[in-house]
N, C-alpha and C. Protein backbone atom coordinates (compact mmCIF):
# COMPACT_ATOMS: atom_id res chain seq x y z
N UNK A 1 -62.71 -15.50 -81.42
CA UNK A 1 -62.82 -14.46 -80.85
C UNK A 1 -62.81 -13.18 -81.44
N UNK A 2 -63.63 -11.91 -80.99
CA UNK A 2 -63.91 -11.11 -81.78
C UNK A 2 -62.34 -10.05 -81.92
N UNK A 3 -62.25 -9.59 -82.89
CA UNK A 3 -60.87 -8.70 -82.75
C UNK A 3 -61.06 -7.13 -82.56
N UNK A 4 -62.47 -7.09 -81.98
CA UNK A 4 -62.90 -5.75 -81.40
C UNK A 4 -62.58 -5.49 -80.06
N UNK A 5 -62.75 -4.36 -80.01
CA UNK A 5 -62.63 -3.99 -78.23
C UNK A 5 -63.64 -4.85 -77.82
N UNK A 6 -63.19 -5.49 -76.63
CA UNK A 6 -64.23 -6.07 -75.83
C UNK A 6 -64.26 -5.26 -74.55
N UNK A 7 -65.31 -5.92 -73.80
CA UNK A 7 -65.46 -4.73 -72.39
C UNK A 7 -66.02 -6.07 -71.48
N UNK A 8 -65.34 -6.02 -70.19
CA UNK A 8 -66.42 -6.44 -69.21
C UNK A 8 -66.33 -5.95 -67.90
N UNK A 9 -67.49 -5.50 -67.57
CA UNK A 9 -68.31 -4.87 -66.42
C UNK A 9 -68.46 -5.41 -65.17
N UNK A 10 -67.14 -5.29 -64.51
CA UNK A 10 -67.17 -5.97 -62.93
C UNK A 10 -67.97 -5.31 -62.19
N UNK A 11 -69.06 -5.58 -61.04
CA UNK A 11 -69.87 -4.94 -60.24
C UNK A 11 -69.09 -5.55 -58.97
N UNK A 12 -68.87 -4.45 -57.78
CA UNK A 12 -68.50 -4.68 -56.37
C UNK A 12 -68.88 -3.54 -55.72
N UNK A 13 -69.10 -4.09 -54.24
CA UNK A 13 -69.20 -2.98 -53.10
C UNK A 13 -70.53 -2.85 -53.22
N UNK A 14 -71.26 -1.67 -52.65
CA UNK A 14 -71.97 -1.01 -53.05
C UNK A 14 -72.66 -0.09 -53.81
N UNK A 15 -72.96 -0.90 -55.03
CA UNK A 15 -73.50 -0.53 -56.24
C UNK A 15 -71.87 0.30 -57.16
N UNK A 16 -71.01 -0.29 -56.83
CA UNK A 16 -69.72 0.27 -57.58
C UNK A 16 -69.64 -0.52 -58.71
N UNK A 17 -68.80 -0.20 -59.80
CA UNK A 17 -68.58 -0.87 -60.87
C UNK A 17 -67.16 -0.31 -61.17
N UNK A 18 -66.61 -1.47 -62.50
CA UNK A 18 -65.34 -0.91 -63.06
C UNK A 18 -65.50 -1.53 -64.62
N UNK A 19 -64.81 -0.96 -65.50
CA UNK A 19 -64.94 -1.41 -66.79
C UNK A 19 -63.55 -2.04 -67.25
N UNK A 20 -63.21 -3.39 -67.61
CA UNK A 20 -61.93 -3.53 -68.11
C UNK A 20 -62.04 -3.64 -69.65
N UNK A 21 -61.21 -2.97 -70.32
CA UNK A 21 -61.12 -2.92 -71.63
C UNK A 21 -60.12 -3.96 -72.40
N UNK A 22 -60.50 -4.59 -73.39
CA UNK A 22 -59.25 -5.90 -73.75
C UNK A 22 -59.64 -5.93 -75.20
N UNK A 23 -58.59 -6.39 -75.80
CA UNK A 23 -58.49 -7.10 -77.09
C UNK A 23 -58.32 -8.89 -77.02
N UNK A 24 -59.22 -9.53 -77.86
CA UNK A 24 -58.97 -10.97 -77.92
C UNK A 24 -58.08 -11.50 -78.38
N UNK A 25 -57.57 -12.83 -78.58
CA UNK A 25 -56.61 -13.13 -79.77
C UNK A 25 -57.44 -14.43 -79.72
N UNK A 26 -57.71 -14.55 -81.40
CA UNK A 26 -58.08 -16.12 -81.97
C UNK A 26 -57.43 -17.14 -81.18
N UNK A 27 -58.06 -18.20 -81.52
CA UNK A 27 -57.44 -19.37 -80.93
C UNK A 27 -56.30 -19.57 -81.41
N UNK A 28 -55.24 -20.47 -80.81
CA UNK A 28 -53.69 -21.03 -81.50
C UNK A 28 -53.79 -21.57 -82.35
N UNK A 29 -54.61 -22.48 -82.60
CA UNK A 29 -55.05 -23.50 -83.82
C UNK A 29 -55.67 -22.37 -85.14
N UNK A 30 -56.10 -21.41 -84.59
CA UNK A 30 -56.54 -20.67 -85.82
C UNK A 30 -55.46 -19.77 -86.19
N UNK A 31 -54.71 -19.07 -85.60
CA UNK A 31 -53.19 -18.66 -85.67
C UNK A 31 -52.61 -19.07 -86.15
N UNK A 32 -52.68 -20.69 -86.00
CA UNK A 32 -51.27 -21.18 -86.75
C UNK A 32 -51.77 -21.46 -88.22
N UNK A 33 -53.12 -22.06 -88.46
CA UNK A 33 -53.23 -22.03 -89.73
C UNK A 33 -53.38 -20.93 -90.98
N UNK A 34 -53.73 -19.40 -89.71
CA UNK A 34 -53.86 -18.52 -90.73
C UNK A 34 -52.34 -18.15 -91.26
N UNK A 35 -51.17 -18.24 -90.35
CA UNK A 35 -49.64 -17.98 -90.43
C UNK A 35 -49.19 -18.84 -91.71
N UNK A 36 -49.91 -20.37 -91.73
CA UNK A 36 -49.20 -21.11 -92.83
C UNK A 36 -49.80 -20.76 -94.18
N UNK A 37 -51.49 -20.41 -94.03
CA UNK A 37 -51.70 -19.89 -95.34
C UNK A 37 -50.99 -18.68 -96.25
N UNK A 38 -50.59 -17.75 -94.93
CA UNK A 38 -50.17 -16.54 -95.54
C UNK A 38 -48.64 -16.95 -95.97
N UNK A 39 -47.67 -17.84 -95.54
CA UNK A 39 -46.74 -18.34 -96.30
C UNK A 39 -46.69 -18.73 -97.50
N UNK A 40 -47.88 -19.63 -97.50
CA UNK A 40 -48.00 -20.45 -98.53
C UNK A 40 -48.21 -19.55 -100.02
N UNK A 41 -48.96 -18.54 -99.08
CA UNK A 41 -49.81 -17.57 -100.53
C UNK A 41 -48.76 -16.31 -100.77
N UNK A 42 -47.98 -16.12 -99.73
CA UNK A 42 -47.19 -14.87 -99.98
C UNK A 42 -45.74 -14.68 -99.89
N UNK A 43 -45.30 -16.33 -99.49
CA UNK A 43 -43.76 -15.88 -99.12
C UNK A 43 -42.70 -17.19 -100.00
N UNK A 44 -43.18 -17.88 -100.84
CA UNK A 44 -42.63 -18.96 -101.75
C UNK A 44 -42.31 -18.00 -103.20
N UNK A 45 -41.37 -18.12 -103.41
CA UNK A 45 -40.99 -17.61 -104.88
C UNK A 45 -41.32 -18.56 -105.98
N UNK A 46 -42.16 -17.77 -106.77
CA UNK A 46 -42.70 -18.40 -107.97
C UNK A 46 -42.44 -18.22 -109.14
N UNK A 47 -41.25 -17.24 -109.38
CA UNK A 47 -40.78 -16.57 -110.66
C UNK A 47 -39.70 -17.98 -110.98
N UNK A 48 -39.87 -18.32 -112.29
CA UNK A 48 -39.06 -19.19 -112.71
C UNK A 48 -37.76 -18.45 -113.16
N UNK A 49 -38.13 -17.37 -113.22
CA UNK A 49 -36.68 -16.58 -113.84
C UNK A 49 -35.97 -16.32 -112.31
N UNK A 50 -36.18 -16.31 -111.62
CA UNK A 50 -35.52 -16.23 -110.28
C UNK A 50 -34.71 -17.38 -109.74
N UNK A 51 -33.32 -17.02 -109.56
CA UNK A 51 -32.44 -18.12 -109.55
C UNK A 51 -32.76 -18.91 -108.05
N UNK A 52 -34.04 -18.27 -107.04
CA UNK A 52 -34.04 -18.86 -105.82
C UNK A 52 -35.78 -19.53 -105.94
N UNK A 53 -36.00 -19.71 -107.35
CA UNK A 53 -37.35 -20.16 -107.48
C UNK A 53 -37.79 -21.65 -106.52
N UNK A 54 -38.57 -21.52 -105.90
CA UNK A 54 -39.11 -22.12 -104.95
C UNK A 54 -38.69 -22.16 -103.54
N UNK A 55 -37.96 -21.39 -103.09
CA UNK A 55 -37.35 -21.06 -101.93
C UNK A 55 -37.98 -20.18 -101.34
N UNK A 56 -38.21 -19.98 -100.19
CA UNK A 56 -39.04 -18.91 -99.28
C UNK A 56 -38.17 -17.42 -98.86
N UNK A 57 -39.05 -16.35 -98.88
CA UNK A 57 -38.07 -15.23 -98.88
C UNK A 57 -38.91 -14.55 -97.54
N UNK A 58 -38.51 -13.49 -96.91
CA UNK A 58 -38.78 -12.75 -96.37
C UNK A 58 -40.23 -12.01 -96.42
N UNK A 59 -40.88 -11.16 -95.47
CA UNK A 59 -42.55 -10.33 -96.12
C UNK A 59 -41.64 -9.11 -95.32
N UNK A 60 -41.85 -8.06 -96.48
CA UNK A 60 -41.97 -6.75 -96.21
C UNK A 60 -42.88 -5.90 -96.02
N UNK A 61 -43.38 -5.82 -94.43
CA UNK A 61 -44.57 -5.21 -93.82
C UNK A 61 -44.76 -3.62 -94.43
N UNK A 62 -43.63 -3.01 -94.53
CA UNK A 62 -43.84 -1.67 -94.82
C UNK A 62 -44.48 -1.50 -96.59
N UNK A 63 -43.56 -2.47 -97.07
CA UNK A 63 -43.96 -2.39 -98.57
C UNK A 63 -45.27 -3.65 -98.68
N UNK A 64 -45.59 -4.48 -98.02
CA UNK A 64 -46.29 -5.21 -98.03
C UNK A 64 -46.24 -6.26 -99.24
N UNK A 65 -45.21 -6.82 -99.36
CA UNK A 65 -45.03 -7.99 -100.22
C UNK A 65 -43.54 -8.35 -100.30
N UNK A 66 -43.15 -9.58 -100.63
CA UNK A 66 -42.24 -10.33 -100.52
C UNK A 66 -41.08 -9.94 -100.56
N UNK A 67 -39.94 -9.91 -100.27
CA UNK A 67 -38.77 -9.07 -100.44
C UNK A 67 -38.25 -9.97 -101.75
N UNK A 68 -37.73 -9.00 -103.01
CA UNK A 68 -37.69 -9.63 -104.14
C UNK A 68 -36.46 -8.97 -105.06
N UNK A 69 -36.20 -9.63 -106.15
CA UNK A 69 -35.21 -9.39 -107.10
C UNK A 69 -35.40 -7.63 -107.57
N UNK A 70 -36.59 -7.46 -107.88
CA UNK A 70 -37.01 -5.92 -108.14
C UNK A 70 -36.90 -4.70 -107.33
N UNK A 71 -37.00 -5.15 -105.90
CA UNK A 71 -37.00 -4.10 -105.06
C UNK A 71 -35.26 -3.43 -105.08
N UNK A 72 -35.18 -2.17 -104.75
CA UNK A 72 -34.00 -1.52 -104.70
C UNK A 72 -33.01 -2.20 -103.80
N UNK A 73 -33.65 -2.48 -102.35
CA UNK A 73 -32.58 -2.91 -101.75
C UNK A 73 -32.69 -4.53 -101.51
N UNK A 74 -33.26 -5.15 -102.64
CA UNK A 74 -33.44 -6.63 -102.49
C UNK A 74 -32.06 -7.31 -102.73
N UNK A 75 -31.34 -6.86 -104.05
CA UNK A 75 -29.99 -7.40 -104.43
C UNK A 75 -28.97 -7.13 -103.39
N UNK A 76 -28.89 -6.15 -102.50
CA UNK A 76 -27.84 -5.85 -101.38
C UNK A 76 -28.52 -6.36 -100.26
N UNK A 77 -29.28 -7.49 -100.14
CA UNK A 77 -29.69 -8.14 -98.83
C UNK A 77 -29.54 -9.69 -98.94
N UNK A 78 -29.51 -9.96 -97.42
CA UNK A 78 -29.00 -11.33 -97.50
C UNK A 78 -30.57 -12.03 -97.77
N UNK A 79 -31.69 -11.45 -97.65
CA UNK A 79 -33.11 -11.67 -97.63
C UNK A 79 -33.12 -12.25 -98.96
N UNK A 80 -32.53 -12.23 -99.84
CA UNK A 80 -33.06 -12.95 -101.53
C UNK A 80 -32.40 -14.01 -101.62
N UNK A 81 -31.64 -14.56 -101.10
CA UNK A 81 -30.76 -15.60 -101.42
C UNK A 81 -31.40 -16.89 -100.96
N UNK A 82 -32.49 -17.10 -100.33
CA UNK A 82 -33.12 -18.58 -100.44
C UNK A 82 -32.47 -19.28 -99.10
N UNK A 83 -31.58 -18.80 -98.52
CA UNK A 83 -31.18 -19.20 -97.44
C UNK A 83 -31.09 -18.76 -96.14
N UNK A 84 -30.00 -19.01 -95.12
CA UNK A 84 -30.01 -18.23 -94.13
C UNK A 84 -31.38 -18.47 -93.03
N UNK A 85 -31.14 -18.10 -91.89
CA UNK A 85 -32.19 -18.13 -91.04
C UNK A 85 -33.47 -17.57 -90.99
N UNK A 86 -33.58 -16.33 -91.65
CA UNK A 86 -34.84 -15.67 -91.90
C UNK A 86 -35.27 -16.06 -93.65
N UNK A 87 -34.78 -17.25 -94.19
CA UNK A 87 -35.55 -17.65 -95.33
C UNK A 87 -35.82 -18.85 -94.97
N UNK A 88 -35.17 -19.92 -94.27
CA UNK A 88 -35.33 -21.23 -93.81
C UNK A 88 -36.44 -21.32 -92.92
N UNK A 89 -36.65 -20.06 -91.88
CA UNK A 89 -37.84 -20.06 -90.79
C UNK A 89 -39.09 -20.37 -91.43
N UNK A 90 -39.94 -19.97 -92.74
CA UNK A 90 -41.09 -20.40 -93.24
C UNK A 90 -41.32 -21.98 -93.57
N UNK A 91 -40.18 -22.57 -94.19
CA UNK A 91 -40.68 -23.92 -94.44
C UNK A 91 -40.47 -24.97 -93.13
N UNK A 92 -39.75 -24.50 -91.93
CA UNK A 92 -39.51 -25.04 -90.88
C UNK A 92 -41.00 -25.01 -90.47
N UNK A 93 -41.48 -23.82 -90.23
CA UNK A 93 -42.82 -23.64 -89.58
C UNK A 93 -43.84 -24.59 -90.26
N UNK A 94 -43.71 -24.29 -91.57
CA UNK A 94 -45.01 -25.04 -92.33
C UNK A 94 -44.69 -26.29 -92.09
N UNK A 95 -43.51 -27.12 -91.81
CA UNK A 95 -43.48 -28.60 -91.90
C UNK A 95 -43.71 -28.85 -90.30
N UNK A 96 -43.43 -28.16 -89.29
CA UNK A 96 -44.24 -28.56 -88.15
C UNK A 96 -45.41 -28.67 -87.88
N UNK A 97 -46.13 -27.43 -88.56
CA UNK A 97 -47.71 -27.26 -88.70
C UNK A 97 -48.34 -28.27 -89.45
N UNK A 98 -47.65 -28.92 -90.52
CA UNK A 98 -48.04 -29.98 -91.45
C UNK A 98 -47.95 -31.38 -90.66
N UNK A 99 -46.94 -31.33 -89.58
CA UNK A 99 -46.93 -32.87 -89.11
C UNK A 99 -48.07 -32.85 -88.36
N UNK A 100 -49.00 -31.86 -87.67
CA UNK A 100 -50.04 -32.05 -87.03
C UNK A 100 -51.27 -31.87 -87.52
N UNK A 101 -51.52 -30.55 -88.38
CA UNK A 101 -52.18 -30.14 -89.31
C UNK A 101 -52.15 -30.50 -90.95
N UNK A 102 -52.21 -31.56 -91.35
CA UNK A 102 -52.15 -31.69 -92.65
C UNK A 102 -52.89 -30.53 -93.61
N UNK A 103 -52.41 -30.23 -94.73
CA UNK A 103 -52.77 -29.70 -95.61
C UNK A 103 -52.32 -29.59 -97.28
N UNK A 104 -52.95 -30.15 -98.22
CA UNK A 104 -52.51 -30.13 -99.57
C UNK A 104 -51.42 -29.55 -99.68
N UNK A 105 -52.01 -28.25 -100.04
CA UNK A 105 -50.95 -26.81 -100.73
C UNK A 105 -49.89 -26.45 -99.97
N UNK A 106 -50.10 -26.59 -98.44
CA UNK A 106 -49.04 -26.55 -97.71
C UNK A 106 -47.76 -27.49 -98.17
N UNK A 107 -47.99 -28.82 -98.43
CA UNK A 107 -47.21 -29.87 -98.23
C UNK A 107 -46.51 -30.07 -99.95
N UNK A 108 -47.69 -29.28 -100.84
CA UNK A 108 -47.03 -29.37 -102.24
C UNK A 108 -45.98 -28.25 -102.04
N UNK A 109 -46.19 -26.86 -101.17
CA UNK A 109 -44.97 -26.05 -101.14
C UNK A 109 -43.88 -26.24 -100.77
N UNK A 110 -44.00 -27.17 -99.85
CA UNK A 110 -42.35 -27.89 -99.02
C UNK A 110 -41.93 -28.70 -99.92
N UNK A 111 -42.71 -29.84 -100.53
CA UNK A 111 -42.39 -30.65 -101.98
C UNK A 111 -41.34 -29.87 -102.96
N UNK A 112 -42.25 -28.91 -103.17
CA UNK A 112 -41.65 -27.93 -104.29
C UNK A 112 -40.17 -27.27 -103.84
N UNK A 113 -40.26 -26.96 -102.78
CA UNK A 113 -38.82 -26.03 -101.95
C UNK A 113 -37.90 -27.20 -101.92
N UNK A 114 -37.92 -28.56 -101.31
CA UNK A 114 -37.07 -29.34 -101.14
C UNK A 114 -36.46 -29.89 -102.43
N UNK A 115 -37.74 -30.46 -103.37
CA UNK A 115 -37.10 -31.19 -104.88
C UNK A 115 -36.83 -30.08 -105.43
N UNK A 116 -37.19 -28.74 -105.93
CA UNK A 116 -36.84 -27.79 -106.62
C UNK A 116 -35.60 -26.74 -106.50
N UNK A 117 -35.55 -26.45 -104.81
CA UNK A 117 -34.52 -25.59 -104.37
C UNK A 117 -33.87 -26.09 -103.42
N UNK A 118 -34.12 -26.50 -102.25
CA UNK A 118 -33.02 -27.31 -101.28
C UNK A 118 -32.31 -28.24 -102.02
N UNK A 119 -32.77 -29.24 -102.43
CA UNK A 119 -32.06 -30.62 -103.20
C UNK A 119 -32.00 -30.07 -104.61
N UNK A 120 -30.83 -30.03 -105.02
CA UNK A 120 -30.57 -29.74 -106.36
C UNK A 120 -29.98 -28.29 -106.94
N UNK A 121 -30.51 -27.42 -106.24
CA UNK A 121 -29.84 -26.29 -106.37
C UNK A 121 -29.09 -25.75 -105.31
N UNK A 122 -29.31 -25.72 -104.05
CA UNK A 122 -28.69 -25.16 -103.03
C UNK A 122 -27.73 -26.39 -102.31
N UNK A 123 -28.23 -27.59 -102.74
CA UNK A 123 -27.50 -28.92 -102.19
C UNK A 123 -27.31 -29.27 -103.37
N UNK A 124 -25.96 -29.57 -103.84
CA UNK A 124 -25.73 -30.71 -105.40
C UNK A 124 -26.05 -32.21 -105.22
N UNK A 125 -26.98 -32.80 -106.16
CA UNK A 125 -27.60 -33.62 -106.00
C UNK A 125 -26.18 -34.56 -105.96
N UNK A 126 -25.17 -34.84 -106.73
CA UNK A 126 -24.42 -35.67 -106.93
C UNK A 126 -23.14 -36.04 -105.52
N UNK A 127 -22.63 -34.81 -105.21
CA UNK A 127 -21.67 -34.62 -104.12
C UNK A 127 -22.43 -34.35 -102.92
N UNK A 128 -23.52 -33.62 -102.91
CA UNK A 128 -24.01 -33.44 -101.54
C UNK A 128 -23.48 -32.19 -100.70
N UNK A 129 -22.72 -31.74 -101.29
CA UNK A 129 -22.01 -30.57 -101.16
C UNK A 129 -23.32 -29.45 -101.26
N UNK A 130 -22.95 -28.24 -99.94
CA UNK A 130 -23.95 -27.09 -99.87
C UNK A 130 -23.40 -25.74 -100.42
N UNK A 131 -23.95 -25.36 -101.15
CA UNK A 131 -23.47 -23.76 -101.57
C UNK A 131 -23.66 -22.70 -100.61
N UNK A 132 -23.08 -22.05 -100.24
CA UNK A 132 -23.24 -20.69 -99.47
C UNK A 132 -24.10 -19.89 -99.98
N UNK A 133 -24.03 -19.76 -101.27
CA UNK A 133 -25.00 -18.93 -102.08
C UNK A 133 -25.63 -19.33 -103.56
N UNK A 134 -26.75 -18.90 -103.91
CA UNK A 134 -26.93 -19.08 -105.34
C UNK A 134 -26.41 -18.25 -106.23
N UNK A 135 -25.79 -17.08 -105.44
CA UNK A 135 -25.45 -16.06 -106.25
C UNK A 135 -23.92 -16.14 -106.51
N UNK A 136 -23.52 -17.37 -107.23
CA UNK A 136 -22.21 -17.62 -107.31
C UNK A 136 -21.69 -18.03 -108.67
N UNK A 137 -22.51 -17.76 -109.61
CA UNK A 137 -21.90 -18.13 -111.13
C UNK A 137 -22.22 -16.84 -111.86
N UNK A 138 -21.71 -16.84 -113.46
CA UNK A 138 -21.80 -16.06 -114.39
C UNK A 138 -23.21 -16.23 -115.06
N UNK A 139 -23.97 -17.31 -114.73
CA UNK A 139 -25.16 -17.36 -115.03
C UNK A 139 -25.94 -16.41 -114.71
N UNK A 140 -26.22 -16.72 -113.22
CA UNK A 140 -27.18 -15.89 -112.06
C UNK A 140 -26.64 -14.18 -112.45
N UNK A 141 -25.09 -13.80 -112.47
CA UNK A 141 -24.94 -12.42 -112.72
C UNK A 141 -25.70 -11.98 -114.06
N UNK A 142 -25.64 -12.49 -114.84
CA UNK A 142 -26.33 -12.12 -116.31
C UNK A 142 -27.84 -11.68 -115.89
N UNK A 143 -28.43 -12.77 -114.96
CA UNK A 143 -30.11 -12.79 -114.87
C UNK A 143 -30.18 -11.46 -113.81
N UNK A 144 -29.24 -11.09 -112.91
CA UNK A 144 -29.19 -10.20 -112.20
C UNK A 144 -29.03 -9.09 -112.54
N UNK A 145 -28.10 -8.80 -113.36
CA UNK A 145 -27.60 -7.40 -114.32
C UNK A 145 -28.40 -6.13 -114.53
N UNK A 146 -29.25 -6.81 -115.10
CA UNK A 146 -30.60 -5.78 -115.28
C UNK A 146 -31.62 -5.24 -114.34
N UNK A 147 -31.19 -5.67 -113.01
CA UNK A 147 -32.61 -5.85 -111.78
C UNK A 147 -31.95 -4.32 -111.25
N UNK A 148 -33.40 -3.62 -110.62
CA UNK A 148 -33.05 -2.71 -109.54
C UNK A 148 -32.20 -3.22 -108.58
N UNK A 149 -31.17 -2.19 -108.07
CA UNK A 149 -30.47 -2.23 -106.93
C UNK A 149 -29.16 -3.05 -107.54
N UNK A 150 -28.95 -3.25 -108.99
CA UNK A 150 -27.74 -4.16 -109.07
C UNK A 150 -26.32 -3.55 -109.19
N UNK A 151 -26.25 -1.92 -109.38
CA UNK A 151 -25.24 -1.49 -109.03
C UNK A 151 -24.91 -1.21 -107.66
N UNK A 152 -25.99 -1.63 -106.57
CA UNK A 152 -25.32 -1.42 -105.20
C UNK A 152 -24.68 -2.70 -104.81
N UNK A 153 -24.71 -3.62 -105.60
CA UNK A 153 -23.98 -4.90 -104.91
C UNK A 153 -22.50 -4.91 -105.50
N UNK A 154 -21.81 -3.97 -106.41
CA UNK A 154 -20.58 -4.36 -106.99
C UNK A 154 -19.53 -4.08 -105.94
N UNK A 155 -19.46 -4.13 -104.56
CA UNK A 155 -18.85 -4.86 -103.58
C UNK A 155 -18.24 -6.32 -103.05
N UNK A 156 -19.32 -6.85 -103.94
CA UNK A 156 -19.71 -8.21 -104.04
C UNK A 156 -19.11 -8.94 -104.85
N UNK A 157 -18.60 -8.31 -105.57
CA UNK A 157 -17.99 -8.92 -106.98
C UNK A 157 -16.63 -9.07 -107.29
N UNK A 158 -16.03 -10.34 -107.53
CA UNK A 158 -14.57 -10.28 -107.66
C UNK A 158 -14.41 -9.90 -109.08
N UNK A 159 -13.42 -9.40 -109.76
CA UNK A 159 -13.04 -9.15 -111.22
C UNK A 159 -11.66 -9.95 -111.50
N UNK A 160 -11.91 -10.46 -112.45
CA UNK A 160 -10.60 -11.29 -112.73
C UNK A 160 -9.41 -10.37 -113.71
N UNK A 161 -8.41 -10.75 -113.94
CA UNK A 161 -7.49 -10.02 -114.67
C UNK A 161 -8.07 -9.48 -115.58
N UNK A 162 -8.83 -10.00 -116.57
CA UNK A 162 -9.45 -9.59 -117.81
C UNK A 162 -10.12 -8.41 -117.66
N UNK A 163 -10.58 -7.89 -116.54
CA UNK A 163 -11.67 -7.21 -116.20
C UNK A 163 -12.61 -7.36 -115.87
N UNK A 164 -13.02 -9.04 -116.01
CA UNK A 164 -14.48 -9.31 -116.17
C UNK A 164 -14.82 -9.83 -115.00
N UNK A 165 -16.17 -9.51 -114.38
CA UNK A 165 -16.38 -9.89 -113.14
C UNK A 165 -17.20 -11.25 -113.30
N UNK A 166 -16.54 -12.14 -112.69
CA UNK A 166 -17.19 -13.47 -113.05
C UNK A 166 -17.29 -14.11 -111.72
N UNK A 167 -17.04 -13.87 -110.48
CA UNK A 167 -17.26 -14.61 -109.45
C UNK A 167 -17.85 -13.75 -108.51
N UNK A 168 -18.59 -14.53 -107.71
CA UNK A 168 -19.31 -13.98 -106.30
C UNK A 168 -18.60 -14.12 -105.02
N UNK A 169 -18.18 -13.06 -104.36
CA UNK A 169 -17.63 -13.19 -102.82
C UNK A 169 -19.07 -13.94 -102.03
N UNK A 170 -18.32 -14.34 -100.99
CA UNK A 170 -19.34 -15.10 -100.28
C UNK A 170 -20.22 -13.87 -99.37
N UNK A 171 -21.07 -14.15 -99.35
CA UNK A 171 -22.34 -13.14 -98.62
C UNK A 171 -21.59 -13.19 -97.36
N UNK A 172 -21.68 -11.88 -96.42
CA UNK A 172 -21.61 -12.22 -95.04
C UNK A 172 -22.04 -10.73 -94.33
N UNK A 173 -22.40 -11.09 -93.06
CA UNK A 173 -22.85 -9.75 -92.63
C UNK A 173 -22.02 -9.06 -91.22
N UNK A 174 -20.92 -9.61 -91.32
CA UNK A 174 -20.07 -9.24 -90.70
C UNK A 174 -19.14 -7.82 -91.50
């Protein structure tokens, strides 16, 4: 179906007519494939220096890029942690899509998500406990310290008795 404006001319009565203008939508299957390709290409974290590598993140329509650690609002946002509803939605969509329309690149992205992020980073492989956030240790703190927006998250840090910021508070939106 065309993405351009479409017209239908309807004739009726004694040489009378009207024109209907509308935009069509591509077939649903085409939209599903396009959405899955977009997620795979644009929403999976590929930076191995990022604590959430292989997770999925939201897409910022205004900036036309995935939300990342380099964005001033990135570190002060729940959108960068690799979990929560907004970051689990893309792999859930890909899983559902690939159960009907398999695609090797999309299945590979899901495998990387499961093996390298979900199971092993977010969930402990030995105890099977699930973390509330990957931003919960001093190693991650060190990685993030030089990123834009780092100073905006000082309220999320806990300072120990020696004045060292060592532990991250649990992220919350309340």
